Each structure stands twice: as structure tokens, then as C-alpha cells.
Amino acid sequence: MVAISATNSTTPSLQAVLARTRLEQARREADQAEANAQNLRAQADQAERLADNKNNKVQQLASRDPQPDPTYPAPARVSSAEDSKNTRNIYVERYKVATQTLAENRDTLHTILNATPVRYTESQAKGQIVNLTA
């Protein structure tokens, strides 16, 4: 019995091999994730430096010319109430034009739809325009 137990202790069990393999795989994945995280940190740092440089450039340009250009007058500001009133008036005018145009087209369509059928030489009605409006 001693010889059998000595033989069993020298060969690792299948479960031990699988556990060791999983552990090694987990370590590799952790190392890979750490490398990926460091790469992303480096990219974020680079993007932050670029943004800081651009913000510094904006501040430098703003400090050089703090006065607005006197050549062009400042645009006139319309109050929001006045702006909404103007917009409403534009929509009312467009609605009036659209309804008037629609009414004119309806009169034309009624004239066409109420036309008499076409008669050929045999004096038989061959066709009629049908009103398809619902």
C-alpha cells in the first residue's frame, strides 16, 4: 500500500492540472487587461493634454483681441415674445396662402370631375372620370 500511495502522489490529479491551467489563463487575462488599461490611460492623458493645449490657445487668442471689431455693428436682438409673434404671423400667412391655393385647385378639380363623358362616333359613353376622394 505504501508503494501505491507514493505513485499516486507523484502524478498530479486532473483537477489540479485544470485548476493550474485556469489560474495561468486568469493571470494572462489579468495581465492583458492591465496592459489594455494602461494603454487607455495613456490615450486619455494624451487627449487631455491636447484639450488643454487647445484651451490655452483659445485663451491666448481671446487675450490678444478683447475688443470686438468696430467695423461690423452688433446684431440686433429680438425679444423672445416678439420673435414668437413674428413666427406665428409667418405661419398664419402661409396657412392663408395654402388654403386659398387648395380652394382654387378644388374648384378646378370639381369642374373636371363634373365634365360629361367622352362620346365617340357611335355615341356611346366610353369613360368617365371618377371622384376618388374619401
C-alpha atoms as a PDB file:
ATOM      1  CA  MET A   1       0.000   0.000   0.000  1.00  0.00           C
ATOM      2  CA  VAL A   2       2.859   2.354   0.629  1.00  0.00           C
ATOM      3  CA  ALA A   3       4.125   1.892  -2.906  1.00  0.00           C
ATOM      4  CA  ILE A   4       0.720   2.676  -4.400  1.00  0.00           C
ATOM      5  CA  SER A   5       0.305   5.848  -2.379  1.00  0.00           C
ATOM      6  CA  ALA A   6       3.782   7.005  -3.355  1.00  0.00           C
ATOM      7  CA  THR A   7       2.965   6.505  -7.030  1.00  0.00           C
ATOM      8  CA  ASN A   8      -0.279   8.466  -6.723  1.00  0.00           C
ATOM      9  CA  SER A   9       1.413  11.434  -5.070  1.00  0.00           C
ATOM     10  CA  THR A  10       3.961  11.878  -7.891  1.00  0.00           C
ATOM     11  CA  THR A  11       1.370  12.316 -10.658  1.00  0.00           C
ATOM     12  CA  PRO A  12      -0.840  15.370 -10.260  1.00  0.00           C
ATOM     13  CA  SER A  13      -4.571  14.827 -10.393  1.00  0.00           C
ATOM     14  CA  LEU A  14      -6.641  16.004 -13.340  1.00  0.00           C
ATOM     15  CA  GLN A  15      -8.419  18.541 -11.140  1.00  0.00           C
ATOM     16  CA  ALA A  16      -5.086  20.006 -10.006  1.00  0.00           C
ATOM     17  CA  VAL A  17      -3.919  20.329 -13.617  1.00  0.00           C
ATOM     18  CA  LEU A  18      -7.186  22.001 -14.635  1.00  0.00           C
ATOM     19  CA  ALA A  19      -7.006  24.365 -11.664  1.00  0.00           C
ATOM     20  CA  ARG A  20      -3.419  25.311 -12.505  1.00  0.00           C
ATOM     21  CA  THR A  21      -4.367  25.863 -16.175  1.00  0.00           C
ATOM     22  CA  ARG A  22      -7.303  28.085 -15.181  1.00  0.00           C
ATOM     23  CA  LEU A  23      -5.066  30.026 -12.823  1.00  0.00           C
ATOM     24  CA  GLU A  24      -2.477  30.623 -15.557  1.00  0.00           C
ATOM     25  CA  GLN A  25      -5.213  31.660 -18.017  1.00  0.00           C
ATOM     26  CA  ALA A  26      -6.658  34.053 -15.455  1.00  0.00           C
ATOM     27  CA  ARG A  27      -3.207  35.570 -14.837  1.00  0.00           C
ATOM     28  CA  ARG A  28      -2.673  36.044 -18.587  1.00  0.00           C
ATOM     29  CA  GLU A  29      -6.089  37.690 -18.937  1.00  0.00           C
ATOM     30  CA  ALA A  30      -5.377  39.928 -15.950  1.00  0.00           C
ATOM     31  CA  ASP A  31      -2.028  40.953 -17.422  1.00  0.00           C
ATOM     32  CA  GLN A  32      -3.667  41.645 -20.770  1.00  0.00           C
ATOM     33  CA  ALA A  33      -6.426  43.697 -19.110  1.00  0.00           C
ATOM     34  CA  GLU A  34      -3.819  45.672 -17.159  1.00  0.00           C
ATOM     35  CA  ALA A  35      -1.877  46.400 -20.357  1.00  0.00           C
ATOM     36  CA  ASN A  36      -5.096  47.481 -22.081  1.00  0.00           C
ATOM     37  CA  ALA A  37      -5.962  49.743 -19.139  1.00  0.00           C
ATOM     38  CA  GLN A  38      -2.521  51.356 -19.247  1.00  0.00           C
ATOM     39  CA  ASN A  39      -2.907  51.922 -22.986  1.00  0.00           C
ATOM     40  CA  LEU A  40      -6.306  53.554 -22.445  1.00  0.00           C
ATOM     41  CA  ARG A  41      -4.892  55.719 -19.646  1.00  0.00           C
ATOM     42  CA  ALA A  42      -2.112  56.871 -21.963  1.00  0.00           C
ATOM     43  CA  GLN A  43      -4.651  57.727 -24.689  1.00  0.00           C
ATOM     44  CA  ALA A  44      -6.807  59.623 -22.178  1.00  0.00           C
ATOM     45  CA  ASP A  45      -3.773  61.552 -20.921  1.00  0.00           C
ATOM     46  CA  GLN A  46      -2.822  62.444 -24.487  1.00  0.00           C
ATOM     47  CA  ALA A  47      -6.377  63.613 -25.277  1.00  0.00           C
ATOM     48  CA  GLU A  48      -6.440  65.678 -22.092  1.00  0.00           C
ATOM     49  CA  ARG A  49      -3.125  67.327 -22.979  1.00  0.00           C
ATOM     50  CA  LEU A  50      -4.445  68.116 -26.460  1.00  0.00           C
ATOM     51  CA  ALA A  51      -7.616  69.638 -24.995  1.00  0.00           C
ATOM     52  CA  ASP A  52      -5.551  71.717 -22.570  1.00  0.00           C
ATOM     53  CA  ASN A  53      -3.373  72.962 -25.427  1.00  0.00           C
ATOM     54  CA  LYS A  54      -6.443  73.960 -27.446  1.00  0.00           C
ATOM     55  CA  ASN A  55      -7.988  75.729 -24.445  1.00  0.00           C
ATOM     56  CA  ASN A  56      -4.735  77.611 -23.864  1.00  0.00           C
ATOM     57  CA  LYS A  57      -4.689  78.673 -27.497  1.00  0.00           C
ATOM     58  CA  VAL A  58      -8.269  79.942 -27.216  1.00  0.00           C
ATOM     59  CA  GLN A  59      -7.350  81.941 -24.112  1.00  0.00           C
ATOM     60  CA  GLN A  60      -4.282  83.390 -25.838  1.00  0.00           C
ATOM     61  CA  LEU A  61      -6.294  84.456 -28.865  1.00  0.00           C
ATOM     62  CA  ALA A  62      -9.017  85.923 -26.670  1.00  0.00           C
ATOM     63  CA  SER A  63      -6.493  87.909 -24.636  1.00  0.00           C
ATOM     64  CA  ARG A  64      -4.862  89.380 -27.756  1.00  0.00           C
ATOM     65  CA  ASP A  65      -8.047  90.981 -29.068  1.00  0.00           C
ATOM     66  CA  PRO A  66     -10.502  91.624 -26.253  1.00  0.00           C
ATOM     67  CA  GLN A  67     -12.340  94.384 -28.171  1.00  0.00           C
ATOM     68  CA  PRO A  68     -14.983  93.451 -30.757  1.00  0.00           C
ATOM     69  CA  ASP A  69     -14.382  94.545 -34.318  1.00  0.00           C
ATOM     70  CA  PRO A  70     -15.914  98.035 -34.709  1.00  0.00           C
ATOM     71  CA  THR A  71     -16.315  97.530 -38.458  1.00  0.00           C
ATOM     72  CA  TYR A  72     -19.454  95.472 -38.054  1.00  0.00           C
ATOM     73  CA  PRO A  73     -22.340  96.524 -35.843  1.00  0.00           C
ATOM     74  CA  ALA A  74     -23.628  94.120 -33.227  1.00  0.00           C
ATOM     75  CA  PRO A  75     -26.612  92.115 -34.476  1.00  0.00           C
ATOM     76  CA  ALA A  76     -29.966  93.340 -33.274  1.00  0.00           C
ATOM     77  CA  ARG A  77     -31.527  91.053 -30.700  1.00  0.00           C
ATOM     78  CA  VAL A  78     -35.231  90.337 -30.920  1.00  0.00           C
ATOM     79  CA  SER A  79     -37.016  89.531 -27.715  1.00  0.00           C
ATOM     80  CA  SER A  80     -38.411  86.047 -27.451  1.00  0.00           C
ATOM     81  CA  ALA A  81     -42.019  87.279 -27.241  1.00  0.00           C
ATOM     82  CA  GLU A  82     -41.571  89.405 -30.331  1.00  0.00           C
ATOM     83  CA  ASP A  83     -39.815  86.565 -32.108  1.00  0.00           C
ATOM     84  CA  SER A  84     -42.626  84.113 -31.361  1.00  0.00           C
ATOM     85  CA  LYS A  85     -45.194  86.694 -32.544  1.00  0.00           C
ATOM     86  CA  ASN A  86     -43.316  87.119 -35.831  1.00  0.00           C
ATOM     87  CA  THR A  87     -43.070  83.367 -36.269  1.00  0.00           C
ATOM     88  CA  ARG A  88     -46.784  82.961 -35.572  1.00  0.00           C
ATOM     89  CA  ASN A  89     -47.598  85.657 -38.154  1.00  0.00           C
ATOM     90  CA  ILE A  90     -45.469  83.881 -40.753  1.00  0.00           C
ATOM     91  CA  TYR A  91     -47.307  80.614 -40.142  1.00  0.00           C
ATOM     92  CA  VAL A  92     -50.705  82.340 -40.330  1.00  0.00           C
ATOM     93  CA  GLU A  93     -49.810  83.911 -43.680  1.00  0.00           C
ATOM     94  CA  ARG A  94     -48.550  80.573 -45.036  1.00  0.00           C
ATOM     95  CA  TYR A  95     -51.771  78.886 -43.903  1.00  0.00           C
ATOM     96  CA  LYS A  96     -53.888  81.512 -45.654  1.00  0.00           C
ATOM     97  CA  VAL A  97     -51.948  81.114 -48.900  1.00  0.00           C
ATOM     98  CA  ALA A  98     -52.120  77.322 -48.692  1.00  0.00           C
ATOM     99  CA  THR A  99     -55.881  77.243 -48.060  1.00  0.00           C
ATOM    100  CA  GLN A 100     -56.508  79.707 -50.851  1.00  0.00           C
ATOM    101  CA  THR A 101     -54.418  77.648 -53.273  1.00  0.00           C
ATOM    102  CA  LEU A 102     -56.191  74.481 -52.161  1.00  0.00           C
ATOM    103  CA  ALA A 103     -59.586  76.075 -52.682  1.00  0.00           C
ATOM    104  CA  GLU A 104     -58.609  77.176 -56.197  1.00  0.00           C
ATOM    105  CA  ASN A 105     -57.396  73.662 -57.030  1.00  0.00           C
ATOM    106  CA  ARG A 106     -60.584  72.106 -55.663  1.00  0.00           C
ATOM    107  CA  ASP A 107     -62.699  74.319 -57.939  1.00  0.00           C
ATOM    108  CA  THR A 108     -60.616  73.160 -60.904  1.00  0.00           C
ATOM    109  CA  LEU A 109     -60.992  69.521 -59.885  1.00  0.00           C
ATOM    110  CA  HIS A 110     -64.750  69.850 -59.450  1.00  0.00           C
ATOM    111  CA  THR A 111     -65.005  71.289 -62.944  1.00  0.00           C
ATOM    112  CA  ILE A 112     -63.027  68.373 -64.369  1.00  0.00           C
ATOM    113  CA  LEU A 113     -64.916  65.759 -62.353  1.00  0.00           C
ATOM    114  CA  ASN A 114     -68.310  67.106 -63.372  1.00  0.00           C
ATOM    115  CA  ALA A 115     -67.416  67.043 -67.059  1.00  0.00           C
ATOM    116  CA  THR A 116     -69.595  64.996 -69.372  1.00  0.00           C
ATOM    117  CA  PRO A 117     -68.307  61.610 -70.521  1.00  0.00           C
ATOM    118  CA  VAL A 118     -66.435  61.379 -73.801  1.00  0.00           C
ATOM    119  CA  ARG A 119     -68.593  60.220 -76.705  1.00  0.00           C
ATOM    120  CA  TYR A 120     -67.236  58.630 -79.822  1.00  0.00           C
ATOM    121  CA  THR A 121     -68.787  58.462 -83.250  1.00  0.00           C
ATOM    122  CA  GLU A 122     -71.110  55.631 -82.198  1.00  0.00           C
ATOM    123  CA  SER A 123     -72.482  57.960 -79.480  1.00  0.00           C
ATOM    124  CA  GLN A 124     -71.730  55.548 -76.678  1.00  0.00           C
ATOM    125  CA  ALA A 125     -70.268  56.630 -73.390  1.00  0.00           C
ATOM    126  CA  LYS A 126     -66.751  55.155 -73.237  1.00  0.00           C
ATOM    127  CA  GLY A 127     -65.423  56.536 -69.956  1.00  0.00           C
ATOM    128  CA  GLN A 128     -65.977  58.832 -67.044  1.00  0.00           C
ATOM    129  CA  ILE A 129     -63.668  60.406 -64.502  1.00  0.00           C
ATOM    130  CA  VAL A 130     -64.463  59.057 -61.037  1.00  0.00           C
ATOM    131  CA  ASN A 131     -64.041  61.083 -57.859  1.00  0.00           C
ATOM    132  CA  LEU A 132     -61.634  59.083 -55.656  1.00  0.00           C
ATOM    133  CA  THR A 133     -61.521  61.463 -52.722  1.00  0.00           C
ATOM    134  CA  ALA A 134     -62.575  59.941 -49.427  1.00  0.00           C
END
